[in-house]
Protein backbone atom coordinates (compact mmCIF):
# COMPACT_ATOMS: atom_id res chain seq x y z
CA MET A 1 64.47 92.92 108.92
CA LYS A 2 66.37 92.69 112.19
CA TRP A 3 68.05 89.31 112.53
CA LYS A 4 68.45 87.46 115.81
CA ILE A 5 71.44 85.69 114.23
CA ALA A 6 73.00 87.55 111.30
CA LEU A 7 74.98 85.79 108.60
CA SER A 8 77.96 88.06 109.28
CA ASP A 9 78.80 90.93 111.61
CA LEU A 10 81.51 93.55 112.09
CA ASP A 11 84.05 93.37 114.88
CA PHE A 12 84.34 97.16 115.23
CA ASP A 13 85.03 99.03 118.47
CA GLN A 14 86.62 102.24 119.73
CA ARG A 15 89.88 101.45 117.93
CA GLU A 16 88.26 101.69 114.49
CA LEU A 17 86.34 104.78 115.60
CA LYS A 18 89.48 106.51 116.85
CA SER A 19 91.38 105.70 113.66
CA VAL A 20 88.61 107.04 111.41
CA VAL A 21 88.23 110.20 113.51
CA SER A 22 91.96 110.86 113.12
CA VAL A 23 91.50 110.83 109.33
CA ILE A 24 88.55 113.21 109.51
CA LYS A 25 90.50 115.58 111.72
CA GLY A 26 93.42 115.47 109.31
CA LYS A 27 91.08 116.42 106.41
CA TRP A 28 92.87 114.31 103.81
CA LEU A 29 90.35 111.73 102.61
CA SER A 30 91.78 110.25 99.44
CA MET A 31 94.91 108.13 99.03
CA GLY A 32 97.53 109.47 101.44
CA TRP A 33 99.83 108.40 104.28
CA MET A 34 97.21 106.10 105.89
CA VAL A 35 96.85 104.09 102.67
CA LYS A 36 100.67 103.85 102.42
CA GLU A 37 100.88 102.61 106.00
CA PHE A 38 98.14 100.04 105.36
CA GLU A 39 99.93 98.80 102.23
CA ASP A 40 103.22 98.42 104.09
CA ARG A 41 101.65 96.56 107.02
CA PHE A 42 99.65 94.32 104.72
CA ALA A 43 102.67 93.37 102.60
CA GLN A 44 104.57 92.54 105.77
CA TYR A 45 101.69 90.40 107.05
CA ILE A 46 101.22 88.46 103.80
CA GLY A 47 104.97 88.20 103.20
CA THR A 48 105.08 89.84 99.77
CA LYS A 49 107.37 92.61 98.59
CA TYR A 50 104.49 94.76 97.40
CA ALA A 51 100.88 95.47 98.35
CA ILE A 52 98.75 97.98 96.42
CA ALA A 53 95.46 99.15 97.94
CA THR A 54 92.38 99.44 95.72
CA SER A 55 88.78 100.57 95.93
CA SER A 56 87.43 96.99 95.89
CA GLY A 57 88.34 93.35 95.42
CA THR A 58 86.86 93.52 91.92
CA ALA A 59 89.18 96.42 91.08
CA ALA A 60 92.09 94.34 92.40
CA LEU A 61 91.20 91.49 90.03
CA HIS A 62 90.82 93.83 87.05
CA LEU A 63 94.18 95.47 87.74
CA ALA A 64 95.85 92.08 88.15
CA LEU A 65 94.58 90.95 84.75
CA ARG A 66 95.64 94.23 83.12
CA ALA A 67 99.09 93.97 84.69
CA LEU A 68 99.47 90.52 83.11
CA ASN A 69 98.48 91.98 79.72
CA ILE A 70 95.34 89.82 79.43
CA LYS A 71 93.49 91.08 76.36
CA VAL A 72 90.94 90.37 73.64
CA GLY A 73 91.35 86.85 72.29
CA ASP A 74 92.87 85.48 75.50
CA GLU A 75 91.22 82.95 77.80
CA VAL A 76 91.36 82.85 81.60
CA LEU A 77 90.38 79.75 83.55
CA VAL A 78 87.93 80.51 86.38
CA PRO A 79 85.95 78.30 88.78
CA SER A 80 82.20 78.55 88.29
CA ILE A 81 81.53 78.31 92.04
CA THR A 82 82.65 81.79 92.97
CA PHE A 83 81.28 85.31 93.26
CA VAL A 84 80.58 86.69 89.79
CA ALA A 85 83.33 89.35 90.12
CA SER A 86 85.97 86.66 89.49
CA ALA A 87 84.57 86.16 85.97
CA ASN A 88 83.38 89.72 85.34
CA ALA A 89 86.91 91.05 85.77
CA VAL A 90 88.04 88.82 82.89
CA LEU A 91 85.37 90.32 80.64
CA TYR A 92 86.54 93.85 81.52
CA THR A 93 89.77 93.08 79.65
CA GLY A 94 87.95 91.69 76.60
CA ALA A 95 89.20 88.18 77.34
CA LYS A 96 87.00 85.10 77.76
CA PRO A 97 86.48 83.20 81.04
CA LYS A 98 86.67 79.41 80.68
CA PHE A 99 84.67 77.89 83.53
CA VAL A 100 86.07 75.02 85.57
CA ASP A 101 84.06 72.50 87.60
CA SER A 102 84.46 71.94 91.35
CA THR A 103 86.66 69.14 92.65
CA SER A 104 83.81 67.22 94.31
CA LEU A 105 80.74 67.61 96.52
CA ASP A 106 83.15 67.57 99.47
CA ASP A 107 85.68 70.04 98.03
CA PHE A 108 84.12 73.04 96.27
CA ASN A 109 87.45 74.41 95.03
CA LEU A 110 88.26 74.13 91.33
CA SER A 111 89.03 70.68 89.96
CA VAL A 112 92.63 70.32 88.79
CA GLU A 113 91.54 67.54 86.41
CA ASP A 114 88.88 69.71 84.76
CA LEU A 115 91.27 72.67 84.81
CA GLU A 116 93.83 70.86 82.68
CA LYS A 117 91.15 69.65 80.26
CA LYS A 118 89.97 73.25 79.64
CA ILE A 119 93.40 74.65 78.71
CA THR A 120 93.83 75.73 75.08
CA LYS A 121 96.42 77.67 73.09
CA LYS A 122 94.50 80.82 74.01
CA SER A 123 94.78 80.22 77.76
CA LYS A 124 96.91 82.82 79.53
CA ALA A 125 96.05 82.67 83.24
CA ILE A 126 94.23 80.84 86.01
CA ILE A 127 92.16 82.62 88.65
CA VAL A 128 92.24 80.42 91.74
CA VAL A 129 89.49 81.06 94.30
CA HIS A 130 90.10 79.65 97.77
CA TYR A 131 86.44 78.87 98.45
CA ALA A 132 85.22 79.71 101.99
CA GLY A 133 88.86 80.24 102.97
CA TYR A 134 89.98 76.66 102.23
CA ILE A 135 93.26 76.72 100.31
CA ALA A 136 92.91 75.16 96.86
CA ASN A 137 95.24 72.40 95.62
CA MET A 138 98.06 74.82 94.87
CA GLU A 139 100.73 72.14 94.36
CA GLN A 140 98.86 70.69 91.39
CA ILE A 141 97.66 74.07 90.13
CA LYS A 142 101.22 75.41 90.09
CA ARG A 143 102.43 72.28 88.31
CA ILE A 144 99.79 72.77 85.60
CA ALA A 145 100.55 76.51 85.34
CA GLN A 146 104.25 75.81 84.82
CA LYS A 147 103.54 73.07 82.28
CA TYR A 148 101.39 75.36 80.11
CA ASN A 149 103.15 78.67 80.92
CA LEU A 150 100.10 80.20 82.63
CA SER A 151 100.06 82.99 85.20
CA ILE A 152 98.27 82.42 88.52
CA ILE A 153 96.02 85.04 90.10
CA GLU A 154 94.80 84.13 93.57
CA ASP A 155 91.34 85.43 94.36
CA SER A 156 91.98 85.37 98.10
CA ALA A 157 88.88 87.30 99.11
CA HIS A 158 87.88 84.44 101.43
CA ALA A 159 91.34 83.29 102.45
CA ILE A 160 93.03 86.20 104.16
CA GLY A 161 95.47 85.10 106.86
CA VAL A 162 95.69 81.44 105.76
CA SER A 163 99.08 79.73 105.61
CA PHE A 164 100.14 77.14 103.06
CA GLY A 165 103.50 75.78 104.10
CA ARG A 166 105.71 78.78 104.76
CA LYS A 167 103.63 81.17 102.67
CA MET A 168 100.22 82.77 102.96
CA ALA A 169 97.32 82.96 100.54
CA GLY A 170 98.03 85.88 98.24
CA ASN A 171 101.70 84.87 98.05
CA LEU A 172 101.26 81.50 96.32
CA GLY A 173 100.96 82.63 92.70
CA ASP A 174 102.01 85.59 90.58
CA ILE A 175 99.44 88.01 92.00
CA GLY A 176 97.10 87.89 95.00
CA CYS A 177 93.81 89.79 95.21
CA PHE A 178 91.87 90.55 98.39
CA SER A 179 88.49 92.07 99.21
CA PHE A 180 87.59 94.01 102.35
CA PHE A 181 83.85 94.08 101.69
CA ALA A 182 81.65 94.30 104.79
CA ASN A 183 81.17 90.53 105.13
CA LYS A 184 84.85 89.57 104.87
CA ASN A 185 87.15 88.37 107.68
CA MET A 186 88.56 91.88 107.82
CA ALA A 187 86.27 94.62 106.57
CA THR A 188 86.56 98.23 105.48
CA GLY A 189 83.11 98.44 103.83
CA GLU A 190 84.59 98.57 100.35
CA GLY A 191 88.24 98.15 99.48
CA GLY A 192 90.75 95.63 98.23
CA MET A 193 94.44 94.85 97.90
CA VAL A 194 96.77 93.44 95.26
CA THR A 195 99.91 91.60 96.41
CA THR A 196 102.93 90.53 94.36
CA ASN A 197 106.68 90.01 94.50
CA ASN A 198 107.17 91.30 90.96
CA GLU A 199 108.33 94.91 90.85
CA MET A 200 107.17 95.55 87.25
CA ILE A 201 103.69 94.20 88.03
CA ALA A 202 103.50 96.37 91.15
CA GLN A 203 104.54 99.48 89.24
CA LYS A 204 101.97 98.86 86.52
CA ILE A 205 99.17 98.29 89.03
CA ARG A 206 100.02 101.51 90.87
CA LEU A 207 99.96 103.38 87.56
CA LEU A 208 96.65 101.89 86.40
CA ARG A 209 95.01 102.36 89.80
CA SER A 210 94.98 106.13 89.38
CA HIS A 211 94.16 107.05 85.76
CA GLY A 212 97.61 106.09 84.41
CA MET A 213 99.04 109.21 86.06
CA THR A 214 102.76 109.43 86.84
CA SER A 215 102.23 111.17 90.20
CA SER A 216 99.47 111.22 92.79
CA THR A 217 97.66 114.14 94.40
CA TRP A 218 99.36 113.26 97.70
CA GLU A 219 102.82 113.43 96.10
CA ARG A 220 102.04 116.83 94.62
CA GLU A 221 100.59 118.07 97.92
CA LYS A 222 103.80 117.09 99.73
CA GLY A 223 106.00 118.75 97.12
CA ARG A 224 107.41 115.52 95.71
CA ALA A 225 106.02 116.36 92.26
CA SER A 226 104.76 119.54 90.61
CA SER A 227 102.91 118.04 87.65
CA TYR A 228 102.11 114.70 86.03
CA ASP A 229 101.79 112.86 82.75
CA VAL A 230 99.23 110.21 81.73
CA VAL A 231 101.09 107.27 80.18
CA ASP A 232 98.43 104.53 80.10
CA LEU A 233 94.67 104.10 80.18
CA GLY A 234 94.01 103.79 83.89
CA TYR A 235 91.06 103.85 86.28
CA ASN A 236 89.86 105.47 89.47
CA TYR A 237 90.52 102.46 91.71
CA ARG A 238 92.04 104.36 94.63
CA MET A 239 91.40 103.45 98.27
CA THR A 240 90.19 106.15 100.67
CA GLU A 241 92.05 107.08 103.84
CA ILE A 242 88.97 106.10 105.89
CA ALA A 243 89.01 102.58 104.44
CA ALA A 244 92.74 102.31 105.15
CA ALA A 245 92.20 103.50 108.72
CA LEU A 246 89.66 100.73 109.24
CA GLY A 247 91.94 98.25 107.51
CA LEU A 248 94.88 98.95 109.81
CA GLU A 249 92.81 98.18 112.90
CA GLN A 250 91.10 95.18 111.32
CA LEU A 251 94.45 93.69 110.34
CA LYS A 252 95.51 93.69 114.00
CA LYS A 253 92.45 91.57 114.89
CA LEU A 254 92.61 89.19 111.94
CA SER A 255 94.63 86.28 113.32
CA LYS A 256 92.65 86.16 116.56
CA ASN A 257 89.32 86.36 114.75
CA ASN A 258 90.30 83.61 112.31
CA LEU A 259 90.99 81.35 115.30
CA ILE A 260 87.56 82.19 116.71
CA ARG A 261 86.00 81.27 113.37
CA LYS A 262 87.84 77.95 113.48
CA LYS A 263 86.48 77.21 116.96
CA LEU A 264 82.92 78.14 115.93
CA THR A 265 83.20 75.90 112.87
CA GLY A 266 84.15 73.06 115.20
CA TYR A 267 80.96 73.66 117.21
CA TYR A 268 78.89 73.53 114.03
CA VAL A 269 80.45 70.24 112.97
CA ALA A 270 79.88 68.71 116.41
CA TYR A 271 76.22 69.78 116.55
CA LEU A 272 75.41 68.74 112.98
CA ASN A 273 77.58 65.65 112.78
CA SER A 274 74.78 63.06 112.73
CA VAL A 275 72.02 65.03 110.98
CA LYS A 276 70.41 63.07 108.16
CA GLY A 277 69.88 64.73 104.82
CA ILE A 278 72.97 66.96 104.85
CA ALA A 279 76.68 66.77 104.14
CA ILE A 280 79.37 69.01 105.61
CA PRO A 281 82.05 69.75 102.98
CA PHE A 282 85.74 70.26 103.84
CA ARG A 283 85.40 68.23 107.08
CA ASP A 284 88.67 66.33 106.64
CA TYR A 285 90.31 68.88 104.39
CA PRO A 286 94.12 68.48 104.21
CA ARG A 287 94.87 72.19 103.92
CA ASP A 288 94.26 75.17 106.19
CA SER A 289 91.38 77.67 106.14
CA SER A 290 90.39 81.13 107.32
CA PHE A 291 86.89 79.70 107.98
CA HIS A 292 85.24 82.56 106.15
CA LEU A 293 82.01 80.61 105.53
CA PHE A 294 80.23 77.59 106.97
CA PRO A 295 78.66 75.85 103.96
CA ILE A 296 76.50 72.74 104.12
CA LEU A 297 75.10 70.63 101.31
CA LEU A 298 71.46 69.59 101.44
CA ASP A 299 70.25 66.29 100.06
CA LYS A 300 68.45 66.62 96.71
CA THR A 301 65.17 65.57 98.38
CA ILE A 302 65.19 68.64 100.68
CA ASP A 303 63.60 71.88 99.47
CA ARG A 304 66.25 74.54 100.15
CA LYS A 305 63.79 77.43 99.83
CA LYS A 306 61.67 75.97 102.62
CA VAL A 307 64.71 75.56 104.88
CA ILE A 308 65.72 79.18 104.25
CA GLN A 309 62.20 80.42 105.00
CA ARG A 310 61.84 78.37 108.19
CA LEU A 311 65.15 79.74 109.49
CA ARG A 312 64.10 83.22 108.42
CA ASN A 313 60.95 82.80 110.52
CA LYS A 314 63.28 82.18 113.47
CA GLU A 315 65.24 85.34 112.56
CA ILE A 316 68.27 83.35 111.38
CA GLN A 317 69.90 84.74 108.25
CA THR A 318 71.31 82.33 105.67
CA SER A 319 72.71 82.63 102.15
CA ILE A 320 73.86 80.67 99.10
CA HIS A 321 77.52 80.48 98.05
CA TYR A 322 77.23 80.39 95.10
CA PRO A 323 74.92 80.06 92.14
CA PRO A 324 77.36 78.85 89.43
CA VAL A 325 78.46 81.79 87.32
CA HIS A 326 78.19 79.93 84.01
CA ARG A 327 74.44 79.49 84.61
CA PHE A 328 73.66 83.21 85.05
CA SER A 329 71.49 84.67 82.26
CA TYR A 330 74.20 87.06 81.05
CA TYR A 331 76.76 84.29 80.69
CA GLN A 332 74.22 81.93 79.12
CA LYS A 333 73.53 84.50 76.42
CA LYS A 334 77.20 85.30 75.87
CA TYR A 335 78.66 81.78 75.84
CA LYS A 336 77.51 78.31 74.99
CA SER A 337 76.69 76.53 78.24
CA THR A 338 79.18 73.96 79.49
CA ALA A 339 78.06 71.09 81.70
CA LEU A 340 79.75 71.36 85.11
CA PRO A 341 77.89 68.70 87.12
CA ASP A 342 79.46 69.18 90.55
CA ALA A 343 79.29 72.99 90.37
CA GLU A 344 75.65 72.82 89.28
CA TYR A 345 74.73 70.44 92.10
CA ILE A 346 76.52 72.63 94.65
CA GLY A 347 74.78 75.74 93.30
CA SER A 348 71.37 74.07 93.70
CA HIS A 349 71.85 72.51 97.14
CA GLU A 350 74.42 74.56 99.12
CA LEU A 351 73.28 76.58 102.14
CA THR A 352 75.49 78.91 104.20
CA LEU A 353 74.85 79.25 107.92
CA PRO A 354 75.92 82.28 110.01
CA LEU A 355 79.62 82.55 110.87
CA HIS A 356 81.47 85.54 112.31
CA PRO A 357 83.72 86.13 115.35
CA LEU A 358 81.03 87.79 117.45
CA LEU A 359 78.91 84.62 117.58
CA THR A 360 78.77 82.59 120.77
CA ARG A 361 78.60 78.83 121.23
CA ARG A 362 75.05 79.27 122.57
CA GLU A 363 74.02 81.09 119.39
CA ILE A 364 75.60 78.39 117.22
CA LYS A 365 73.59 75.78 119.12
CA TYR A 366 70.39 77.80 118.57
CA VAL A 367 71.06 77.93 114.83
CA CYS A 368 71.79 74.20 114.72
CA ASP A 369 68.71 73.29 116.78
CA GLU A 370 66.41 75.30 114.52
CA PHE A 371 68.13 74.00 111.42
CA LYS A 372 67.73 70.39 112.58
CA LYS A 373 64.03 70.97 113.27
CA SER A 374 63.49 72.36 109.77
CA ILE A 375 65.35 69.45 108.17
CA LYS A 376 63.49 66.84 110.24
CA ASP A 377 60.12 68.32 109.33
CA LEU A 378 60.95 68.35 105.63
CA ILE A 379 62.30 64.78 105.62
CA ASN A 380 59.24 63.51 107.47
């Protein structure tokens, strides 16, 4: 259906169009000079030595785990309130995800207390997800990682462009992973990026990204190599030149659009501040955010499905971020269920309202007015 207010939207204009047309005219569509330029600009922006472009954020996570030699018999600690790719990537390596509860009903990021409780001799890494763009408690997470000799992978799909002290998300652990899916703060449709300061990790990820081959098609085309060897079991996780062309233009808009998201979030908080039956998480959060999502938490007496339908009737798109991964049927069958009370409550009562840089204050007010009406009717 056509939404009056969409959950997310793309800030594309003639700049993206011109960049994509230049790729089409050049007739080189797979990984070439545009991808290299995007990688260089991205590494400079994040502040890492290396950035390796991939076909998706999921591919980035899989490559990160492979580069850290995560294998069968290992365990990786993962928050349950995340997109399922964070856990699926662990399974791709044959390792086991150990699910961690959320901090609280006000902070949906992983709980450092529950994290430490879940560590065993088999634990090898932590995947940290900066939920909705809000930086997780990295001071404590890094302390725990050092104590137990665990690697840190940042799933920074929500948190692109967020600073934590003098560093950015994606430069706070051993490896950072980003997604450029169509609903992200910068979008290329599909696509991802791995960031690191470790040269050996970067080299391995580049190798695994393209079938374990020692040279790329682009290098052979330009005469830098005449043949190749295959030295590891790799994948086809290459980024296209079209995605990189979009990424270069989107990167230029990122900081400005994140500030717009921050301003729009402020409007939401002001309009919904005194609404009964809801809570607004992260309101007094001590760390920065990219404001990727605007989540709210409904009281347990409010029927979320009815709220979603009433807003749908007003052509307002909403979503849920997220059903807890450990409660999905596949994971229930594969692993014995672990009680994660905060994650389960969040998964049952969270509702995400529209947020993207093309929204206006007037549109935010319309969403809030209709939302308040639906809540009032259901409470009464």
